[in-house]
């Protein structure tokens, strides 16, 4: 093995051993209880629950068990059931058991991970738990081995609530505290991350949500009501979850988390900056939903607070959002004035991302006025800045708008090419609202070309997404589909 590779390998081992020691020091009693459970569990169905919030700690604990002197006569089998659509856990376990070769003179202990994905964090009676409760008795004959279910706190709580009969069979519940290094890692990847949200691909957004949900359990005010840092951390996590869910089109969850953040802030003067940011993001969500009056009220509240606390960059962002509302209402002069105020601030503070976004919106106004050359120039400036900072979602939006300009000019092939580039990026980052709008535009172009089958293929999924998002645009797409269907009928009659 080359020296560098050997060195890196040794460094990983040393790092793991160091982290393991800290984790063990924090959880000595819980580990001792878990080892006793494993030792005394009969070779029949015996259920133990391991409460551990982060996958990093979970994986470290499993390694500790696999290598522990007291477990030399134990054969651990890890079953990863992380499919969000999983419904029949028992059937899945039985299927996996059929392929396991049990080692001679060893006791098989099944470790189940990933079940929190199908349990979820909200909503009533997850299908996997409904079935788990219903088929509990069948486990005794079909899964005759000790089982350890590794779950974060929220999933364990939901399992106890929605599968009480299965929960009643527990032979042990083992609580493991989170190591500070693990918490620090989660914070660095979420709250302290300098990554532009628009640059995150769908898998990264989902990973971010997962880390935030797990982090939330560590910072819940219920754990430490008196700790102001706990409250502030919880507020930020609620807000970031709201933003993250909005970015993937789950508007109800987004609204729920943002309102929870707002409730925690209340009217605490020391949290004015946090409140202004929450109001801004809640306004953005209502703007998306077509609740314009509510959005304006929230933006103005946010603006007032930002001016009071001296949040210049935040002020630019809210001015930008308000400008968009005025532009959509047709009050173009007011919109341009607000965009220019925002642009002046972003240029002064060196906010490239903010500047790119405002140039994009100014380009839309010029395009609507018919000043197409100026619009294209502004869009291209915005595109260059977005590419520089890696804002994939922003790039998709600008390509979409450029496509619209070329479509109006009659350059249909160029428009379709740009729309398809935008669509590919929207799918990559999971921006389903942007995807719906681009599909709608492609459907309209196909209709104008007389390709009605292709038009329906674009418009139908666009409608389904917009209906799911409760977007006011759903009705317009529905009318477009009806118009295409009417044309198909007319053509058939001819």
Protein backbone atom coordinates (compact mmCIF):
# COMPACT_ATOMS: atom_id res chain seq x y z
CA UNK A 1 0.00 0.00 0.00
CA UNK A 2 1.43 3.47 -0.95
CA UNK A 3 2.53 5.56 2.04
CA UNK A 4 -0.06 8.33 1.47
CA UNK A 5 -2.92 5.85 1.26
CA UNK A 6 -1.68 4.03 4.38
CA UNK A 7 -1.31 7.35 6.22
CA UNK A 8 -4.86 8.43 5.32
CA UNK A 9 -6.20 5.06 6.39
CA UNK A 10 -4.43 5.31 9.77
CA UNK A 11 -5.71 8.86 10.24
CA UNK A 12 -9.29 7.66 9.70
CA UNK A 13 -8.79 4.87 12.25
CA UNK A 14 -7.33 7.30 14.80
CA UNK A 15 -10.15 9.78 14.22
CA UNK A 16 -12.77 7.06 14.63
CA UNK A 17 -11.13 5.77 17.82
CA UNK A 18 -11.01 9.30 19.24
CA UNK A 19 -14.66 9.94 18.43
CA UNK A 20 -15.58 6.49 19.74
CA UNK A 21 -13.95 7.20 23.10
CA UNK A 22 -15.93 10.44 23.49
CA UNK A 23 -19.17 8.72 22.51
CA UNK A 24 -18.49 5.87 24.94
CA UNK A 25 -17.67 8.26 27.78
CA UNK A 26 -20.99 9.99 27.20
CA UNK A 27 -23.03 6.78 27.04
CA UNK A 28 -21.33 4.21 29.29
CA UNK A 29 -24.49 3.26 31.20
CA UNK A 30 -26.67 2.97 28.08
CA UNK A 31 -24.07 0.81 26.33
CA UNK A 32 -23.78 -1.49 29.35
CA UNK A 33 -27.57 -1.92 29.41
CA UNK A 34 -27.68 -2.59 25.66
CA UNK A 35 -24.91 -5.20 25.88
CA UNK A 36 -26.79 -6.94 28.69
CA UNK A 37 -29.95 -6.97 26.59
CA UNK A 38 -28.08 -8.53 23.64
CA UNK A 39 -26.42 -11.11 25.89
CA UNK A 40 -29.63 -12.25 27.59
CA UNK A 41 -32.05 -11.98 24.65
CA UNK A 42 -33.39 -15.44 23.80
CA UNK A 43 -33.13 -16.77 20.27
CA UNK A 44 -36.72 -15.81 19.61
CA UNK A 45 -38.54 -12.55 18.91
CA UNK A 46 -37.25 -10.02 21.45
CA UNK A 47 -37.63 -6.33 20.60
CA UNK A 48 -35.30 -3.58 21.76
CA UNK A 49 -35.40 0.08 20.73
CA UNK A 50 -32.24 2.17 20.48
CA UNK A 51 -32.91 5.92 20.55
CA UNK A 52 -30.07 7.65 18.73
CA UNK A 53 -30.62 10.86 16.78
CA UNK A 54 -27.84 10.97 14.18
CA UNK A 55 -26.76 8.41 11.59
CA UNK A 56 -23.10 9.23 12.36
CA UNK A 57 -23.50 8.17 16.00
CA UNK A 58 -25.69 5.24 15.02
CA UNK A 59 -23.03 3.86 12.68
CA UNK A 60 -20.34 4.36 15.33
CA UNK A 61 -22.44 2.47 17.90
CA UNK A 62 -23.02 -0.43 15.49
CA UNK A 63 -19.25 -0.69 14.90
CA UNK A 64 -18.66 -0.69 18.65
CA UNK A 65 -21.15 -3.55 19.08
CA UNK A 66 -19.69 -5.57 16.20
CA UNK A 67 -16.19 -5.34 17.69
CA UNK A 68 -17.04 -5.54 21.38
CA UNK A 69 -15.52 -8.49 23.32
CA UNK A 70 -18.95 -9.31 24.78
CA UNK A 71 -20.41 -9.77 21.30
CA UNK A 72 -17.96 -12.29 19.85
CA UNK A 73 -20.69 -14.95 19.77
CA UNK A 74 -23.24 -12.62 18.17
CA UNK A 75 -23.93 -12.45 14.44
CA UNK A 76 -25.28 -8.98 13.71
CA UNK A 77 -27.26 -8.50 10.52
CA UNK A 78 -27.98 -4.89 9.54
CA UNK A 79 -31.16 -4.36 7.51
CA UNK A 80 -31.50 -0.89 6.00
CA UNK A 81 -35.15 -0.05 5.33
CA UNK A 82 -34.85 3.58 4.23
CA UNK A 83 -37.53 3.49 1.52
CA UNK A 84 -40.00 6.31 2.27
CA UNK A 85 -42.78 4.25 0.71
CA UNK A 86 -42.16 1.15 2.85
CA UNK A 87 -45.42 -0.23 4.21
CA UNK A 88 -44.97 -3.87 5.15
CA UNK A 89 -41.98 -4.11 7.49
CA UNK A 90 -42.54 -7.70 8.56
CA UNK A 91 -42.68 -8.90 4.95
CA UNK A 92 -39.47 -6.99 4.18
CA UNK A 93 -37.69 -8.59 7.16
CA UNK A 94 -38.88 -12.09 6.22
CA UNK A 95 -37.63 -11.60 2.66
CA UNK A 96 -34.18 -10.54 3.94
CA UNK A 97 -34.03 -13.42 6.44
CA UNK A 98 -34.46 -15.94 3.65
CA UNK A 99 -31.06 -14.92 2.28
CA UNK A 100 -29.15 -14.88 5.59
CA UNK A 101 -26.82 -17.76 6.37
CA UNK A 102 -26.70 -18.07 10.16
CA UNK A 103 -23.18 -18.73 11.42
CA UNK A 104 -22.66 -21.86 13.52
CA UNK A 105 -22.70 -21.38 17.32
CA UNK A 106 -23.69 -17.73 16.98
CA UNK A 107 -26.89 -15.91 17.94
CA UNK A 108 -28.41 -13.84 15.15
CA UNK A 109 -29.39 -10.31 16.18
CA UNK A 110 -31.16 -8.18 13.58
CA UNK A 111 -30.38 -4.46 13.53
CA UNK A 112 -32.94 -2.35 11.66
CA UNK A 113 -32.00 1.14 10.49
CA UNK A 114 -33.63 3.72 8.22
CA UNK A 115 -37.21 3.10 9.34
CA UNK A 116 -37.59 6.78 10.27
CA UNK A 117 -37.90 7.56 6.55
CA UNK A 118 -41.26 5.76 6.24
CA UNK A 119 -42.41 6.77 9.73
CA UNK A 120 -41.99 10.42 8.80
CA UNK A 121 -42.04 13.46 11.04
CA UNK A 122 -45.61 14.67 10.61
CA UNK A 123 -49.08 13.47 9.64
CA UNK A 124 -51.24 10.84 11.27
CA UNK A 125 -50.98 7.06 11.08
CA UNK A 126 -48.06 6.38 8.74
CA UNK A 127 -48.92 3.26 6.68
CA UNK A 128 -45.83 1.39 7.92
CA UNK A 129 -46.95 1.86 11.54
CA UNK A 130 -50.57 0.97 10.80
CA UNK A 131 -49.42 -2.35 9.36
CA UNK A 132 -46.83 -2.89 12.10
CA UNK A 133 -49.53 -2.59 14.75
CA UNK A 134 -51.93 -4.82 12.81
CA UNK A 135 -49.51 -7.73 12.14
CA UNK A 136 -47.73 -7.65 15.50
CA UNK A 137 -48.68 -11.23 16.46
CA UNK A 138 -47.37 -12.58 13.14
CA UNK A 139 -43.84 -11.51 14.12
CA UNK A 140 -43.58 -14.27 16.76
CA UNK A 141 -43.68 -17.05 14.17
CA UNK A 142 -42.01 -15.36 11.20
CA UNK A 143 -39.18 -13.40 12.86
CA UNK A 144 -37.84 -15.64 15.62
CA UNK A 145 -34.76 -13.56 16.44
CA UNK A 146 -33.89 -10.60 18.66
CA UNK A 147 -34.47 -7.27 16.88
CA UNK A 148 -32.87 -3.90 17.61
CA UNK A 149 -34.62 -0.95 15.98
CA UNK A 150 -32.36 2.12 15.79
CA UNK A 151 -34.54 5.26 15.60
CA UNK A 152 -34.22 8.99 16.28
CA UNK A 153 -36.35 10.46 19.05
CA UNK A 154 -39.18 11.77 16.86
CA UNK A 155 -39.63 8.43 15.06
CA UNK A 156 -39.63 6.52 18.33
CA UNK A 157 -42.28 8.86 19.72
CA UNK A 158 -44.46 8.38 16.64
CA UNK A 159 -44.02 4.60 16.74
CA UNK A 160 -45.17 4.50 20.37
CA UNK A 161 -48.19 6.64 19.47
CA UNK A 162 -49.30 5.03 16.21
CA UNK A 163 -48.24 1.39 16.79
CA UNK A 164 -49.00 1.01 20.53
CA UNK A 165 -49.53 -2.77 20.37
CA UNK A 166 -46.13 -3.33 18.77
CA UNK A 167 -44.54 -0.84 21.18
CA UNK A 168 -46.00 -2.76 24.13
CA UNK A 169 -43.80 -5.74 23.21
CA UNK A 170 -40.59 -3.82 23.85
CA UNK A 171 -38.11 -5.62 26.10
CA UNK A 172 -35.84 -2.60 26.39
CA UNK A 173 -35.42 1.03 25.34
CA UNK A 174 -31.86 2.39 25.28
CA UNK A 175 -31.26 6.14 25.08
CA UNK A 176 -27.96 7.39 23.64
CA UNK A 177 -26.87 11.01 23.89
CA UNK A 178 -25.46 12.84 20.88
CA UNK A 179 -21.74 13.55 20.85
CA UNK A 180 -20.88 17.26 20.56
CA UNK A 181 -18.74 16.60 17.48
CA UNK A 182 -21.77 15.11 15.74
CA UNK A 183 -23.89 18.14 16.61
CA UNK A 184 -21.13 20.46 15.39
CA UNK A 185 -20.99 18.57 12.08
CA UNK A 186 -24.76 18.91 11.59
CA UNK A 187 -24.61 22.63 12.40
CA UNK A 188 -21.73 23.16 9.94
CA UNK A 189 -23.69 21.40 7.20
CA UNK A 190 -26.89 23.37 7.82
CA UNK A 191 -27.04 26.50 10.00
CA UNK A 192 -23.41 27.53 9.43
CA UNK A 193 -23.10 26.33 5.84
CA UNK A 194 -21.94 28.95 3.34
CA UNK A 195 -23.41 27.01 0.42
CA UNK A 196 -25.97 28.91 -1.63
CA UNK A 197 -29.29 27.12 -1.22
CA UNK A 198 -29.99 27.44 -4.92
CA UNK A 199 -26.82 25.45 -5.66
CA UNK A 200 -28.00 22.37 -3.76
CA UNK A 201 -29.19 19.42 -5.78
CA UNK A 202 -32.28 17.49 -4.68
CA UNK A 203 -30.36 14.81 -2.77
CA UNK A 204 -28.43 17.52 -0.90
CA UNK A 205 -31.68 19.34 -0.04
CA UNK A 206 -33.17 16.17 1.34
CA UNK A 207 -29.99 15.45 3.32
CA UNK A 208 -30.15 19.01 4.68
CA UNK A 209 -33.75 18.48 5.80
CA UNK A 210 -32.81 15.18 7.43
CA UNK A 211 -29.93 16.78 9.38
CA UNK A 212 -32.11 19.72 10.44
CA UNK A 213 -34.84 17.41 11.71
CA UNK A 214 -32.32 15.43 13.75
CA UNK A 215 -30.68 18.62 15.02
CA UNK A 216 -34.07 19.93 16.09
CA UNK A 217 -34.33 17.16 18.68
CA UNK A 218 -31.10 18.39 20.28
CA UNK A 219 -32.22 22.03 20.42
CA UNK A 220 -35.88 21.62 21.31
CA UNK A 221 -36.84 24.13 24.01
CA UNK A 222 -38.63 21.28 25.77
CA UNK A 223 -35.19 19.87 26.60
CA UNK A 224 -33.96 23.07 28.24
CA UNK A 225 -36.53 25.83 28.61
CA UNK A 226 -34.18 28.24 30.35
CA UNK A 227 -31.37 28.14 27.80
CA UNK A 228 -31.65 31.14 25.45
CA UNK A 229 -29.09 29.57 23.12
CA UNK A 230 -31.34 26.52 22.89
CA UNK A 231 -34.32 28.73 21.99
CA UNK A 232 -32.32 30.65 19.37
CA UNK A 233 -31.00 27.41 17.88
CA UNK A 234 -34.49 25.96 17.73
CA UNK A 235 -35.85 29.10 16.03
CA UNK A 236 -33.13 28.94 13.37
CA UNK A 237 -33.77 25.25 12.74
CA UNK A 238 -37.53 25.82 12.38
CA UNK A 239 -36.84 28.67 9.94
CA UNK A 240 -34.33 26.66 7.90
CA UNK A 241 -36.73 23.71 7.73
CA UNK A 242 -39.42 26.08 6.46
CA UNK A 243 -37.09 27.40 3.75
CA UNK A 244 -35.93 23.90 2.83
CA UNK A 245 -39.46 22.51 2.51
CA UNK A 246 -40.52 25.52 0.44
CA UNK A 247 -37.60 24.83 -1.92
CA UNK A 248 -38.93 21.34 -2.69
CA UNK A 249 -42.57 22.43 -2.96
CA UNK A 250 -43.89 21.05 0.35
CA UNK A 251 -45.72 24.27 1.22
CA UNK A 252 -47.81 23.02 4.15
CA UNK A 253 -44.74 21.78 6.01
CA UNK A 254 -42.91 25.00 5.10
CA UNK A 255 -45.70 27.14 6.56
CA UNK A 256 -45.94 24.97 9.68
CA UNK A 257 -42.23 25.28 10.50
CA UNK A 258 -42.08 29.02 9.78
CA UNK A 259 -45.08 29.64 12.05
CA UNK A 260 -43.46 27.56 14.79
CA UNK A 261 -40.35 29.73 14.48
CA UNK A 262 -42.50 32.87 14.68
CA UNK A 263 -44.31 31.60 17.79
CA UNK A 264 -40.98 31.02 19.56
CA UNK A 265 -39.67 34.48 18.67
CA UNK A 266 -42.84 36.17 19.94
CA UNK A 267 -41.95 39.81 20.70
CA UNK A 268 -38.52 39.27 22.26
CA UNK A 269 -36.47 42.39 21.42
CA UNK A 270 -33.19 40.48 21.37
CA UNK A 271 -34.60 38.25 18.60
CA UNK A 272 -35.73 41.07 16.29
CA UNK A 273 -33.29 40.09 13.53
CA UNK A 274 -34.45 36.46 13.60
CA UNK A 275 -38.08 37.61 13.50
CA UNK A 276 -37.47 39.85 10.47
CA UNK A 277 -36.00 36.90 8.57
CA UNK A 278 -38.91 34.60 9.46
CA UNK A 279 -41.46 37.25 8.40
CA UNK A 280 -39.58 37.66 5.10
CA UNK A 281 -39.66 33.92 4.35
CA UNK A 282 -43.29 33.57 5.38
CA UNK A 283 -44.12 36.49 3.08
CA UNK A 284 -42.26 34.74 0.26
CA UNK A 285 -44.29 31.57 0.84
CA UNK A 286 -47.61 33.47 0.76
CA UNK A 287 -46.44 35.31 -2.35
CA UNK A 288 -45.95 31.89 -4.01
CA UNK A 289 -49.45 30.86 -2.91
CA UNK A 290 -51.04 33.98 -4.37
CA UNK A 291 -51.90 35.44 -0.94
CA UNK A 292 -50.58 38.82 -1.99
CA UNK A 293 -52.07 41.09 0.69
CA UNK A 294 -50.73 38.82 3.45
CA UNK A 295 -47.34 38.71 1.70
CA UNK A 296 -47.09 42.52 1.48
CA UNK A 297 -48.03 42.91 5.15
CA UNK A 298 -45.36 40.40 6.19
CA UNK A 299 -42.70 41.98 3.95
CA UNK A 300 -43.43 45.43 5.40
CA UNK A 301 -43.18 44.10 8.97
CA UNK A 302 -39.89 42.45 8.03
CA UNK A 303 -38.60 45.65 6.42
CA UNK A 304 -39.40 47.72 9.50
CA UNK A 305 -37.51 45.33 11.76
CA UNK A 306 -34.51 45.13 9.40
CA UNK A 307 -34.22 48.90 9.31
CA UNK A 308 -34.42 49.00 13.12
CA UNK A 309 -31.64 46.43 13.65
CA UNK A 310 -29.48 47.68 10.76
CA UNK A 311 -29.71 44.55 8.61
CA UNK A 312 -28.77 46.19 5.30
CA UNK A 313 -28.40 43.00 3.26
CA UNK A 314 -31.70 41.65 4.62
CA UNK A 315 -33.37 44.96 3.70
CA UNK A 316 -32.17 44.55 0.09
CA UNK A 317 -33.72 41.07 -0.07
CA UNK A 318 -37.11 42.28 1.20
CA UNK A 319 -37.13 45.32 -1.11
CA UNK A 320 -36.45 42.86 -3.94
CA UNK A 321 -39.46 40.70 -2.99
CA UNK A 322 -41.79 43.70 -2.62
CA UNK A 323 -40.67 44.96 -6.02
CA UNK A 324 -41.73 41.63 -7.54
CA UNK A 325 -45.24 42.01 -6.16
CA UNK A 326 -45.59 45.55 -7.56
CA UNK A 327 -44.26 44.38 -10.92
CA UNK A 328 -46.84 41.57 -11.06
CA UNK A 329 -49.56 44.09 -10.19
CA UNK A 330 -48.52 46.29 -13.10
CA UNK A 331 -47.07 49.11 -10.97
CA UNK A 332 -43.87 49.05 -12.97
CA UNK A 333 -42.38 52.39 -11.91
CA UNK A 334 -42.67 51.48 -8.22
CA UNK A 335 -41.18 48.05 -8.94
CA UNK A 336 -38.17 49.53 -10.78
CA UNK A 337 -37.58 52.02 -7.95
CA UNK A 338 -37.58 49.23 -5.35
CA UNK A 339 -35.35 46.97 -7.48
CA UNK A 340 -32.86 49.80 -7.93
CA UNK A 341 -32.80 50.41 -4.16
CA UNK A 342 -32.10 46.71 -3.68
CA UNK A 343 -29.46 46.69 -6.43
CA UNK A 344 -27.63 49.67 -4.90
CA UNK A 345 -27.39 47.86 -1.56
CA UNK A 346 -26.24 44.54 -3.03
CA UNK A 347 -23.52 46.27 -5.03
CA UNK A 348 -22.41 48.24 -1.95
CA UNK A 349 -22.10 45.16 0.27
CA UNK A 350 -20.74 42.86 -2.46
CA UNK A 351 -23.73 40.51 -2.49
CA UNK A 352 -23.24 38.80 -5.86
CA UNK A 353 -26.16 36.45 -5.39
CA UNK A 354 -28.54 39.31 -4.50
CA UNK A 355 -27.31 41.38 -7.43
CA UNK A 356 -27.83 38.50 -9.87
CA UNK A 357 -31.38 37.99 -8.64
CA UNK A 358 -32.27 41.68 -8.96
CA UNK A 359 -30.77 41.94 -12.47
CA UNK A 360 -32.93 38.95 -13.42
CA UNK A 361 -36.08 40.69 -12.20
CA UNK A 362 -35.24 44.01 -13.85
CA UNK A 363 -34.75 42.08 -17.09
CA UNK A 364 -38.30 40.71 -16.75
CA UNK A 365 -39.69 44.24 -16.49
CA UNK A 366 -37.78 45.41 -19.58
CA UNK A 367 -38.93 42.32 -21.48
CA UNK A 368 -42.56 43.04 -20.59
CA UNK A 369 -42.10 46.63 -21.75
CA UNK A 370 -40.86 45.37 -25.10
CA UNK A 371 -37.26 46.47 -24.59
CA UNK A 372 -36.03 43.03 -25.56
CA UNK A 373 -32.36 43.80 -26.22
CA UNK A 374 -31.96 45.43 -22.79
CA UNK A 375 -33.76 42.47 -21.20
CA UNK A 376 -31.46 39.92 -22.87
CA UNK A 377 -28.39 41.91 -21.79
CA UNK A 378 -29.59 41.97 -18.15
CA UNK A 379 -30.50 38.27 -18.19
CA UNK A 380 -27.05 37.40 -19.50
CA UNK A 381 -25.40 39.49 -16.77
CA UNK A 382 -27.53 37.67 -14.20
CA UNK A 383 -26.70 34.31 -15.76
CA UNK A 384 -22.96 35.00 -15.62
CA UNK A 385 -23.15 35.91 -11.91
CA UNK A 386 -25.27 32.87 -11.07
CA UNK A 387 -22.84 30.57 -12.85
CA UNK A 388 -19.97 32.20 -10.94
CA UNK A 389 -21.51 31.47 -7.53
CA UNK A 390 -22.97 28.08 -8.55
CA UNK A 391 -26.65 28.99 -8.15
CA UNK A 392 -28.23 26.17 -10.16
CA UNK A 393 -31.81 27.06 -9.30
CA UNK A 394 -31.27 30.71 -10.19
CA UNK A 395 -29.63 29.72 -13.47
CA UNK A 396 -32.66 27.56 -14.33
CA UNK A 397 -34.98 30.52 -13.72
CA UNK A 398 -32.96 32.82 -15.98
CA UNK A 399 -32.76 30.25 -18.77
CA UNK A 400 -36.54 29.89 -18.48
CA UNK A 401 -37.06 33.64 -18.94
CA UNK A 402 -34.62 33.85 -21.85
CA UNK A 403 -36.53 30.99 -23.49
CA UNK A 404 -39.71 33.06 -23.18
CA UNK A 405 -38.12 35.98 -25.01
CA UNK A 406 -36.96 33.76 -27.88
CA UNK A 407 -40.40 32.14 -28.07
CA UNK A 408 -42.06 35.55 -28.46
CA UNK A 409 -39.54 36.43 -31.17
CA UNK A 410 -40.59 33.32 -33.05
CA UNK A 411 -37.27 31.52 -32.54
CA UNK A 412 -39.03 28.38 -31.34
CA UNK A 413 -36.09 25.95 -31.62
CA UNK A 414 -33.88 28.19 -29.46
CA UNK A 415 -36.73 28.62 -26.96
CA UNK A 416 -37.28 24.87 -26.67
CA UNK A 417 -33.55 24.28 -26.21
CA UNK A 418 -33.39 26.84 -23.39
CA UNK A 419 -36.56 25.52 -21.73
CA UNK A 420 -35.11 22.00 -21.78
CA UNK A 421 -31.86 23.23 -20.20
CA UNK A 422 -33.93 24.92 -17.51
CA UNK A 423 -36.05 21.79 -16.99
CA UNK A 424 -32.97 19.60 -16.53
CA UNK A 425 -31.63 21.94 -13.83
CA UNK A 426 -35.01 22.21 -12.08
CA UNK A 427 -35.29 18.43 -11.90
CA UNK A 428 -31.74 18.20 -10.58
CA UNK A 429 -32.39 20.57 -7.66
CA UNK A 430 -35.96 19.37 -7.03
CA UNK A 431 -37.59 22.72 -7.84
CA UNK A 432 -41.00 21.33 -8.68
CA UNK A 433 -42.71 24.72 -8.96
CA UNK A 434 -40.15 25.86 -11.52
CA UNK A 435 -40.51 22.52 -13.28
CA UNK A 436 -44.29 22.98 -13.48
CA UNK A 437 -43.93 26.41 -15.08
CA UNK A 438 -41.39 25.20 -17.64
CA UNK A 439 -43.55 22.19 -18.56
CA UNK A 440 -46.47 24.60 -19.01
CA UNK A 441 -44.43 26.78 -21.41
CA UNK A 442 -43.22 23.74 -23.39
CA UNK A 443 -46.82 22.54 -23.59
CA UNK A 444 -47.98 25.89 -24.97
CA UNK A 445 -45.23 25.87 -27.60
CA UNK A 446 -46.16 22.33 -28.66
CA UNK A 447 -49.81 23.39 -28.92
CA UNK A 448 -48.94 26.35 -31.15
CA UNK A 449 -46.97 23.98 -33.40
CA UNK A 450 -50.04 21.74 -33.65
CA UNK A 451 -48.40 18.86 -31.76
CA UNK A 452 -51.33 18.27 -29.40
CA UNK A 453 -50.18 14.92 -27.99
CA UNK A 454 -46.85 16.43 -26.90
CA UNK A 455 -48.68 19.45 -25.51
CA UNK A 456 -50.82 17.25 -23.25
CA UNK A 457 -47.72 15.29 -22.17
CA UNK A 458 -46.21 18.55 -20.89
CA UNK A 459 -49.35 20.22 -19.56
CA UNK A 460 -50.76 17.29 -17.57
CA UNK A 461 -47.78 16.85 -15.19
CA UNK A 462 -47.59 20.65 -14.87
CA UNK A 463 -51.22 20.71 -13.73
CA UNK A 464 -50.67 17.88 -11.23
CA UNK A 465 -47.72 19.69 -9.63
CA UNK A 466 -49.52 23.05 -9.43
CA UNK A 467 -52.61 21.43 -7.91
CA UNK A 468 -50.44 19.74 -5.31
CA UNK A 469 -48.82 23.11 -4.52
CA UNK A 470 -52.27 24.75 -4.37
CA UNK A 471 -51.00 27.30 -6.88
CA UNK A 472 -53.48 29.76 -8.42
CA UNK A 473 -51.85 28.95 -11.79
CA UNK A 474 -53.39 25.46 -11.73
CA UNK A 475 -56.67 26.82 -13.10
CA UNK A 476 -54.88 28.46 -16.06
CA UNK A 477 -53.09 25.23 -16.98
CA UNK A 478 -56.38 23.35 -16.67
CA UNK A 479 -57.91 25.77 -19.19
CA UNK A 480 -54.92 25.25 -21.52
CA UNK A 481 -55.48 21.48 -21.39
CA UNK A 482 -59.20 21.94 -22.12
CA UNK A 483 -58.32 24.15 -25.11
CA UNK A 484 -55.92 21.51 -26.50
CA UNK A 485 -58.50 18.75 -26.01
CA UNK A 486 -61.08 20.87 -27.84
CA UNK A 487 -58.68 21.28 -30.76
CA UNK A 488 -58.07 17.53 -30.86
CA UNK A 489 -61.85 16.95 -31.05
CA UNK A 490 -62.23 19.52 -33.82
CA UNK A 491 -59.41 17.93 -35.80
CA UNK A 492 -60.98 14.48 -35.35
CA UNK A 493 -64.35 15.72 -36.64
CA UNK A 494 -62.68 17.22 -39.72
